């Protein structure tokens, strides 16, 4: 499936499957290229370590999702 990445704007083959089994995972699958997803995975590790997030904490997960949306530009509407 071809996607136009919300973050970098390139049109390329998308991720092979949603990265997580949620609505957010489906959105990422349809809007993010594999390169930007890999960049997020590296940035995510830095955020978890820097802020010492415990992912069993709902507030920590919410913070991480907010950062993910900002990093991947998913807070912007899809282009028409």
PDB file of N, CA and C in Angstrom:
ATOM      1  N   UNK A   1       0.845  -1.178   0.000  1.00  0.00           N
ATOM      2  CA  UNK A   1       0.000   0.000   0.000  1.00  0.00           C
ATOM      3  C   UNK A   1       0.893   1.246   0.000  1.00  0.00           C
ATOM      4  N   UNK A   2       0.603   2.158  -0.879  1.00  0.00           N
ATOM      5  CA  UNK A   2       1.326   3.421  -0.955  1.00  0.00           C
ATOM      6  C   UNK A   2       0.762   4.403   0.070  1.00  0.00           C
ATOM      7  N   UNK A   3       1.644   5.120   0.749  1.00  0.00           N
ATOM      8  CA  UNK A   3       1.222   6.167   1.684  1.00  0.00           C
ATOM      9  C   UNK A   3       2.009   7.432   1.399  1.00  0.00           C
ATOM     10  N   UNK A   4       1.377   8.561   1.647  1.00  0.00           N
ATOM     11  CA  UNK A   4       2.080   9.833   1.661  1.00  0.00           C
ATOM     12  C   UNK A   4       2.296  10.162   3.115  1.00  0.00           C
ATOM     13  N   UNK A   5       3.542  10.160   3.526  1.00  0.00           N
ATOM     14  CA  UNK A   5       3.889  10.284   4.937  1.00  0.00           C
ATOM     15  C   UNK A   5       3.498  11.652   5.488  1.00  0.00           C
ATOM     16  N   UNK A   6       2.816  11.636   6.623  1.00  0.00           N
ATOM     17  CA  UNK A   6       2.400  12.872   7.284  1.00  0.00           C
ATOM     18  C   UNK A   6       3.599  13.659   7.796  1.00  0.00           C
ATOM     19  N   UNK A   7       4.695  12.991   8.071  1.00  0.00           N
ATOM     20  CA  UNK A   7       5.864  13.664   8.636  1.00  0.00           C
ATOM     21  C   UNK A   7       6.794  14.205   7.565  1.00  0.00           C
ATOM     22  N   UNK A   8       7.209  13.361   6.622  1.00  0.00           N
ATOM     23  CA  UNK A   8       8.218  13.800   5.643  1.00  0.00           C
ATOM     24  C   UNK A   8       7.632  14.149   4.278  1.00  0.00           C
ATOM     25  N   UNK A   9       6.380  13.747   4.024  1.00  0.00           N
ATOM     26  CA  UNK A   9       5.722  14.108   2.784  1.00  0.00           C
ATOM     27  C   UNK A   9       6.035  13.216   1.595  1.00  0.00           C
ATOM     28  N   UNK A  10       6.893  12.224   1.765  1.00  0.00           N
ATOM     29  CA  UNK A  10       7.215  11.354   0.643  1.00  0.00           C
ATOM     30  C   UNK A  10       6.106  10.321   0.442  1.00  0.00           C
ATOM     31  N   UNK A  11       5.933   9.927  -0.812  1.00  0.00           N
ATOM     32  CA  UNK A  11       4.996   8.862  -1.127  1.00  0.00           C
ATOM     33  C   UNK A  11       5.810   7.610  -1.384  1.00  0.00           C
ATOM     34  N   UNK A  12       5.557   6.604  -0.587  1.00  0.00           N
ATOM     35  CA  UNK A  12       6.336   5.374  -0.643  1.00  0.00           C
ATOM     36  C   UNK A  12       5.481   4.208  -0.172  1.00  0.00           C
ATOM     37  N   UNK A  13       6.043   3.037  -0.253  1.00  0.00           N
ATOM     38  CA  UNK A  13       5.359   1.853   0.276  1.00  0.00           C
ATOM     39  C   UNK A  13       5.232   2.017   1.791  1.00  0.00           C
ATOM     40  N   UNK A  14       4.061   1.735   2.316  1.00  0.00           N
ATOM     41  CA  UNK A  14       3.814   1.914   3.739  1.00  0.00           C
ATOM     42  C   UNK A  14       4.326   0.755   4.568  1.00  0.00           C
ATOM     43  N   UNK A  15       4.041   0.815   5.841  1.00  0.00           N
ATOM     44  CA  UNK A  15       4.388  -0.272   6.748  1.00  0.00           C
ATOM     45  C   UNK A  15       3.641  -1.532   6.325  1.00  0.00           C
ATOM     46  N   UNK A  16       4.225  -2.704   6.514  1.00  0.00           N
ATOM     47  CA  UNK A  16       3.553  -3.936   6.091  1.00  0.00           C
ATOM     48  C   UNK A  16       2.269  -4.229   6.871  1.00  0.00           C
ATOM     49  N   UNK A  17       2.179  -3.753   8.095  1.00  0.00           N
ATOM     50  CA  UNK A  17       1.000  -3.974   8.935  1.00  0.00           C
ATOM     51  C   UNK A  17       0.955  -2.869   9.989  1.00  0.00           C
ATOM     52  N   UNK A  18      -0.205  -2.634  10.596  1.00  0.00           N
ATOM     53  CA  UNK A  18      -0.256  -1.656  11.685  1.00  0.00           C
ATOM     54  C   UNK A  18       0.739  -2.042  12.787  1.00  0.00           C
ATOM     55  N   UNK A  19       1.505  -1.078  13.298  1.00  0.00           N
ATOM     56  CA  UNK A  19       2.533  -1.394  14.291  1.00  0.00           C
ATOM     57  C   UNK A  19       1.972  -1.760  15.668  1.00  0.00           C
ATOM     58  N   UNK A  20       0.755  -1.339  15.962  1.00  0.00           N
ATOM     59  CA  UNK A  20       0.087  -1.708  17.211  1.00  0.00           C
ATOM     60  C   UNK A  20      -1.376  -2.016  16.896  1.00  0.00           C
ATOM     61  N   UNK A  21      -2.005  -2.911  17.638  1.00  0.00           N
ATOM     62  CA  UNK A  21      -3.374  -3.335  17.318  1.00  0.00           C
ATOM     63  C   UNK A  21      -4.449  -2.400  17.886  1.00  0.00           C
ATOM     64  N   UNK A  22      -4.364  -1.121  17.525  1.00  0.00           N
ATOM     65  CA  UNK A  22      -5.336  -0.134  18.000  1.00  0.00           C
ATOM     66  C   UNK A  22      -5.709   0.778  16.838  1.00  0.00           C
ATOM     67  N   UNK A  23      -6.640   1.692  17.090  1.00  0.00           N
ATOM     68  CA  UNK A  23      -7.012   2.676  16.075  1.00  0.00           C
ATOM     69  C   UNK A  23      -5.805   3.545  15.723  1.00  0.00           C
ATOM     70  N   UNK A  24      -4.986   3.862  16.710  1.00  0.00           N
ATOM     71  CA  UNK A  24      -3.781   4.644  16.443  1.00  0.00           C
ATOM     72  C   UNK A  24      -2.842   3.868  15.520  1.00  0.00           C
ATOM     73  N   UNK A  25      -2.709   2.574  15.743  1.00  0.00           N
ATOM     74  CA  UNK A  25      -1.871   1.749  14.878  1.00  0.00           C
ATOM     75  C   UNK A  25      -2.361   1.758  13.440  1.00  0.00           C
ATOM     76  N   UNK A  26      -3.677   1.717  13.266  1.00  0.00           N
ATOM     77  CA  UNK A  26      -4.261   1.777  11.926  1.00  0.00           C
ATOM     78  C   UNK A  26      -3.981   3.131  11.284  1.00  0.00           C
ATOM     79  N   UNK A  27      -4.073   4.201  12.062  1.00  0.00           N
ATOM     80  CA  UNK A  27      -3.774   5.539  11.540  1.00  0.00           C
ATOM     81  C   UNK A  27      -2.310   5.635  11.129  1.00  0.00           C
ATOM     82  N   UNK A  28      -1.417   5.128  11.948  1.00  0.00           N
ATOM     83  CA  UNK A  28       0.018   5.136  11.624  1.00  0.00           C
ATOM     84  C   UNK A  28       0.249   4.346  10.345  1.00  0.00           C
ATOM     85  N   UNK A  29      -0.362   3.189  10.231  1.00  0.00           N
ATOM     86  CA  UNK A  29      -0.212   2.328   9.051  1.00  0.00           C
ATOM     87  C   UNK A  29      -0.594   3.063   7.771  1.00  0.00           C
ATOM     88  N   UNK A  30      -1.624   3.900   7.830  1.00  0.00           N
ATOM     89  CA  UNK A  30      -2.098   4.609   6.653  1.00  0.00           C
ATOM     90  C   UNK A  30      -1.462   5.951   6.399  1.00  0.00           C
ATOM     91  N   UNK A  31      -0.648   6.454   7.349  1.00  0.00           N
ATOM     92  CA  UNK A  31      -0.144   7.825   7.205  1.00  0.00           C
ATOM     93  C   UNK A  31       1.353   8.007   7.419  1.00  0.00           C
ATOM     94  N   UNK A  32       2.077   6.949   7.762  1.00  0.00           N
ATOM     95  CA  UNK A  32       3.494   7.107   8.113  1.00  0.00           C
ATOM     96  C   UNK A  32       4.344   6.128   7.296  1.00  0.00           C
ATOM     97  N   UNK A  33       5.475   6.621   6.781  1.00  0.00           N
ATOM     98  CA  UNK A  33       6.385   5.761   6.021  1.00  0.00           C
ATOM     99  C   UNK A  33       7.275   4.962   6.989  1.00  0.00           C
ATOM    100  N   UNK A  34       7.828   3.860   6.516  1.00  0.00           N
ATOM    101  CA  UNK A  34       8.680   3.030   7.384  1.00  0.00           C
ATOM    102  C   UNK A  34       9.892   3.785   7.947  1.00  0.00           C
ATOM    103  N   UNK A  35      10.477   4.671   7.176  1.00  0.00           N
ATOM    104  CA  UNK A  35      11.642   5.421   7.660  1.00  0.00           C
ATOM    105  C   UNK A  35      11.310   6.301   8.853  1.00  0.00           C
ATOM    106  N   UNK A  36      10.206   7.019   8.761  1.00  0.00           N
ATOM    107  CA  UNK A  36       9.806   7.885   9.875  1.00  0.00           C
ATOM    108  C   UNK A  36       9.375   7.054  11.079  1.00  0.00           C
ATOM    109  N   UNK A  37       8.769   5.893  10.831  1.00  0.00           N
ATOM    110  CA  UNK A  37       8.398   5.023  11.950  1.00  0.00           C
ATOM    111  C   UNK A  37       9.646   4.559  12.680  1.00  0.00           C
ATOM    112  N   UNK A  38      10.703   4.197  11.957  1.00  0.00           N
ATOM    113  CA  UNK A  38      11.953   3.777  12.595  1.00  0.00           C
ATOM    114  C   UNK A  38      12.574   4.928  13.389  1.00  0.00           C
ATOM    115  N   UNK A  39      12.493   6.158  12.852  1.00  0.00           N
ATOM    116  CA  UNK A  39      12.997   7.322  13.596  1.00  0.00           C
ATOM    117  C   UNK A  39      12.220   7.495  14.896  1.00  0.00           C
ATOM    118  N   UNK A  40      10.884   7.277  14.841  1.00  0.00           N
ATOM    119  CA  UNK A  40      10.088   7.392  16.053  1.00  0.00           C
ATOM    120  C   UNK A  40      10.503   6.343  17.081  1.00  0.00           C
ATOM    121  N   UNK A  41      10.745   5.125  16.641  1.00  0.00           N
ATOM    122  CA  UNK A  41      11.130   4.077  17.593  1.00  0.00           C
ATOM    123  C   UNK A  41      12.403   4.453  18.342  1.00  0.00           C
ATOM    124  N   UNK A  42      13.358   5.079  17.643  1.00  0.00           N
ATOM    125  CA  UNK A  42      14.584   5.532  18.319  1.00  0.00           C
ATOM    126  C   UNK A  42      14.276   6.686  19.280  1.00  0.00           C
ATOM    127  N   UNK A  43      13.451   7.634  18.825  1.00  0.00           N
ATOM    128  CA  UNK A  43      13.097   8.782  19.665  1.00  0.00           C
ATOM    129  C   UNK A  43      12.303   8.340  20.894  1.00  0.00           C
ATOM    130  N   UNK A  44      11.460   7.329  20.710  1.00  0.00           N
ATOM    131  CA  UNK A  44      10.649   6.821  21.812  1.00  0.00           C
ATOM    132  C   UNK A  44      11.517   6.290  22.949  1.00  0.00           C
ATOM    133  N   UNK A  45      12.568   5.572  22.611  1.00  0.00           N
ATOM    134  CA  UNK A  45      13.479   5.041  23.629  1.00  0.00           C
ATOM    135  C   UNK A  45      14.114   6.195  24.406  1.00  0.00           C
ATOM    136  N   UNK A  46      14.516   7.218  23.698  1.00  0.00           N
ATOM    137  CA  UNK A  46      15.123   8.392  24.350  1.00  0.00           C
ATOM    138  C   UNK A  46      14.124   9.037  25.310  1.00  0.00           C
ATOM    139  N   UNK A  47      12.869   9.212  24.853  1.00  0.00           N
ATOM    140  CA  UNK A  47      11.847   9.824  25.716  1.00  0.00           C
ATOM    141  C   UNK A  47      11.573   8.984  26.958  1.00  0.00           C
ATOM    142  N   UNK A  48      11.441   7.672  26.767  1.00  0.00           N
ATOM    143  CA  UNK A  48      11.172   6.791  27.905  1.00  0.00           C
ATOM    144  C   UNK A  48      12.295   6.885  28.929  1.00  0.00           C
ATOM    145  N   UNK A  49      13.523   6.889  28.447  1.00  0.00           N
ATOM    146  CA  UNK A  49      14.659   6.963  29.366  1.00  0.00           C
ATOM    147  C   UNK A  49      14.800   8.346  29.993  1.00  0.00           C
ATOM    148  N   UNK A  50      14.651   9.388  29.185  1.00  0.00           N
ATOM    149  CA  UNK A  50      14.835  10.755  29.677  1.00  0.00           C
ATOM    150  C   UNK A  50      13.815  11.116  30.759  1.00  0.00           C
ATOM    151  N   UNK A  51      12.555  10.757  30.510  1.00  0.00           N
ATOM    152  CA  UNK A  51      11.488  11.088  31.453  1.00  0.00           C
ATOM    153  C   UNK A  51      11.206   9.956  32.442  1.00  0.00           C
ATOM    154  N   UNK A  52      11.974   8.868  32.332  1.00  0.00           N
ATOM    155  CA  UNK A  52      11.817   7.702  33.212  1.00  0.00           C
ATOM    156  C   UNK A  52      10.362   7.243  33.272  1.00  0.00           C
ATOM    157  N   UNK A  53       9.794   7.073  32.082  1.00  0.00           N
ATOM    158  CA  UNK A  53       8.392   6.686  31.988  1.00  0.00           C
ATOM    159  C   UNK A  53       8.206   5.218  32.336  1.00  0.00           C
ATOM    160  N   UNK A  54       7.170   4.946  33.066  1.00  0.00           N
ATOM    161  CA  UNK A  54       6.747   3.586  33.371  1.00  0.00           C
ATOM    162  C   UNK A  54       5.487   3.352  32.562  1.00  0.00           C
ATOM    163  N   UNK A  55       5.566   2.473  31.572  1.00  0.00           N
ATOM    164  CA  UNK A  55       4.478   2.346  30.617  1.00  0.00           C
ATOM    165  C   UNK A  55       3.246   1.635  31.154  1.00  0.00           C
ATOM    166  N   UNK A  56       3.280   1.157  32.385  1.00  0.00           N
ATOM    167  CA  UNK A  56       2.062   0.642  33.005  1.00  0.00           C
ATOM    168  C   UNK A  56       1.214   1.791  33.551  1.00  0.00           C
ATOM    169  N   UNK A  57       1.802   2.968  33.647  1.00  0.00           N
ATOM    170  CA  UNK A  57       1.105   4.162  34.130  1.00  0.00           C
ATOM    171  C   UNK A  57       0.328   4.791  32.964  1.00  0.00           C
ATOM    172  N   UNK A  58      -0.992   4.926  33.081  1.00  0.00           N
ATOM    173  CA  UNK A  58      -1.787   5.511  31.999  1.00  0.00           C
ATOM    174  C   UNK A  58      -1.342   6.925  31.619  1.00  0.00           C
ATOM    175  N   UNK A  59      -0.889   7.718  32.586  1.00  0.00           N
ATOM    176  CA  UNK A  59      -0.429   9.080  32.286  1.00  0.00           C
ATOM    177  C   UNK A  59       0.847   9.042  31.450  1.00  0.00           C
ATOM    178  N   UNK A  60       1.727   8.092  31.720  1.00  0.00           N
ATOM    179  CA  UNK A  60       2.957   7.951  30.937  1.00  0.00           C
ATOM    180  C   UNK A  60       2.633   7.537  29.509  1.00  0.00           C
ATOM    181  N   UNK A  61       1.684   6.620  29.342  1.00  0.00           N
ATOM    182  CA  UNK A  61       1.276   6.188  28.002  1.00  0.00           C
ATOM    183  C   UNK A  61       0.641   7.343  27.237  1.00  0.00           C
ATOM    184  N   UNK A  62      -0.168   8.157  27.929  1.00  0.00           N
ATOM    185  CA  UNK A  62      -0.809   9.312  27.289  1.00  0.00           C
ATOM    186  C   UNK A  62       0.244  10.321  26.841  1.00  0.00           C
ATOM    187  N   UNK A  63       1.244  10.552  27.679  1.00  0.00           N
ATOM    188  CA  UNK A  63       2.329  11.463  27.313  1.00  0.00           C
ATOM    189  C   UNK A  63       3.085  10.937  26.094  1.00  0.00           C
ATOM    190  N   UNK A  64       3.373   9.660  26.086  1.00  0.00           N
ATOM    191  CA  UNK A  64       4.101   9.065  24.971  1.00  0.00           C
ATOM    192  C   UNK A  64       3.274   9.140  23.683  1.00  0.00           C
ATOM    193  N   UNK A  65       1.965   8.908  23.779  1.00  0.00           N
ATOM    194  CA  UNK A  65       1.118   9.017  22.585  1.00  0.00           C
ATOM    195  C   UNK A  65       1.077  10.453  22.074  1.00  0.00           C
ATOM    196  N   UNK A  66       1.009  11.409  22.981  1.00  0.00           N
ATOM    197  CA  UNK A  66       1.021  12.822  22.581  1.00  0.00           C
ATOM    198  C   UNK A  66       2.320  13.155  21.842  1.00  0.00           C
ATOM    199  N   UNK A  67       3.446  12.688  22.379  1.00  0.00           N
ATOM    200  CA  UNK A  67       4.733  12.923  21.739  1.00  0.00           C
ATOM    201  C   UNK A  67       4.803  12.232  20.371  1.00  0.00           C
ATOM    202  N   UNK A  68       4.259  11.019  20.275  1.00  0.00           N
ATOM    203  CA  UNK A  68       4.223  10.291  19.011  1.00  0.00           C
ATOM    204  C   UNK A  68       3.440  11.084  17.975  1.00  0.00           C
ATOM    205  N   UNK A  69       2.260  11.573  18.349  1.00  0.00           N
ATOM    206  CA  UNK A  69       1.435  12.344  17.412  1.00  0.00           C
ATOM    207  C   UNK A  69       2.161  13.604  16.945  1.00  0.00           C
ATOM    208  N   UNK A  70       2.857  14.278  17.843  1.00  0.00           N
ATOM    209  CA  UNK A  70       3.599  15.475  17.451  1.00  0.00           C
ATOM    210  C   UNK A  70       4.771  15.114  16.544  1.00  0.00           C
ATOM    211  N   UNK A  71       5.526  14.089  16.908  1.00  0.00           N
ATOM    212  CA  UNK A  71       6.703  13.679  16.144  1.00  0.00           C
ATOM    213  C   UNK A  71       6.336  13.264  14.722  1.00  0.00           C
ATOM    214  N   UNK A  72       5.243  12.494  14.595  1.00  0.00           N
ATOM    215  CA  UNK A  72       4.842  11.984  13.282  1.00  0.00           C
ATOM    216  C   UNK A  72       3.839  12.893  12.569  1.00  0.00           C
ATOM    217  N   UNK A  73       3.534  14.038  13.163  1.00  0.00           N
ATOM    218  CA  UNK A  73       2.602  15.021  12.587  1.00  0.00           C
ATOM    219  C   UNK A  73       1.216  14.426  12.384  1.00  0.00           C
ATOM    220  N   UNK A  74       0.791  13.576  13.284  1.00  0.00           N
ATOM    221  CA  UNK A  74      -0.534  12.983  13.188  1.00  0.00           C
ATOM    222  C   UNK A  74      -1.600  13.876  13.803  1.00  0.00           C
ATOM    223  N   UNK A  75      -1.188  14.983  14.409  1.00  0.00           N
ATOM    224  CA  UNK A  75      -2.148  15.922  14.968  1.00  0.00           C
ATOM    225  C   UNK A  75      -2.716  16.820  13.881  1.00  0.00           C
ATOM    226  N   UNK A  76      -2.160  16.738  12.674  1.00  0.00           N
ATOM    227  CA  UNK A  76      -2.644  17.526  11.551  1.00  0.00           C
ATOM    228  C   UNK A  76      -3.641  16.694  10.753  1.00  0.00           C
ATOM    229  N   UNK A  77      -4.630  17.347  10.143  1.00  0.00           N
ATOM    230  CA  UNK A  77      -5.580  16.571   9.339  1.00  0.00           C
ATOM    231  C   UNK A  77      -4.919  15.979   8.098  1.00  0.00           C
ATOM    232  N   UNK A  78      -5.506  14.918   7.598  1.00  0.00           N
ATOM    233  CA  UNK A  78      -5.012  14.304   6.357  1.00  0.00           C
ATOM    234  C   UNK A  78      -5.141  15.283   5.213  1.00  0.00           C
ATOM    235  N   UNK A  79      -4.152  15.287   4.296  1.00  0.00           N
ATOM    236  CA  UNK A  79      -4.302  16.156   3.120  1.00  0.00           C
ATOM    237  C   UNK A  79      -5.437  15.652   2.231  1.00  0.00           C
ATOM    238  N   UNK A  80      -6.117  16.562   1.593  1.00  0.00           N
ATOM    239  CA  UNK A  80      -7.267  16.197   0.744  1.00  0.00           C
ATOM    240  C   UNK A  80      -6.826  15.601  -0.574  1.00  0.00           C
TER     241      UNK A  80
END
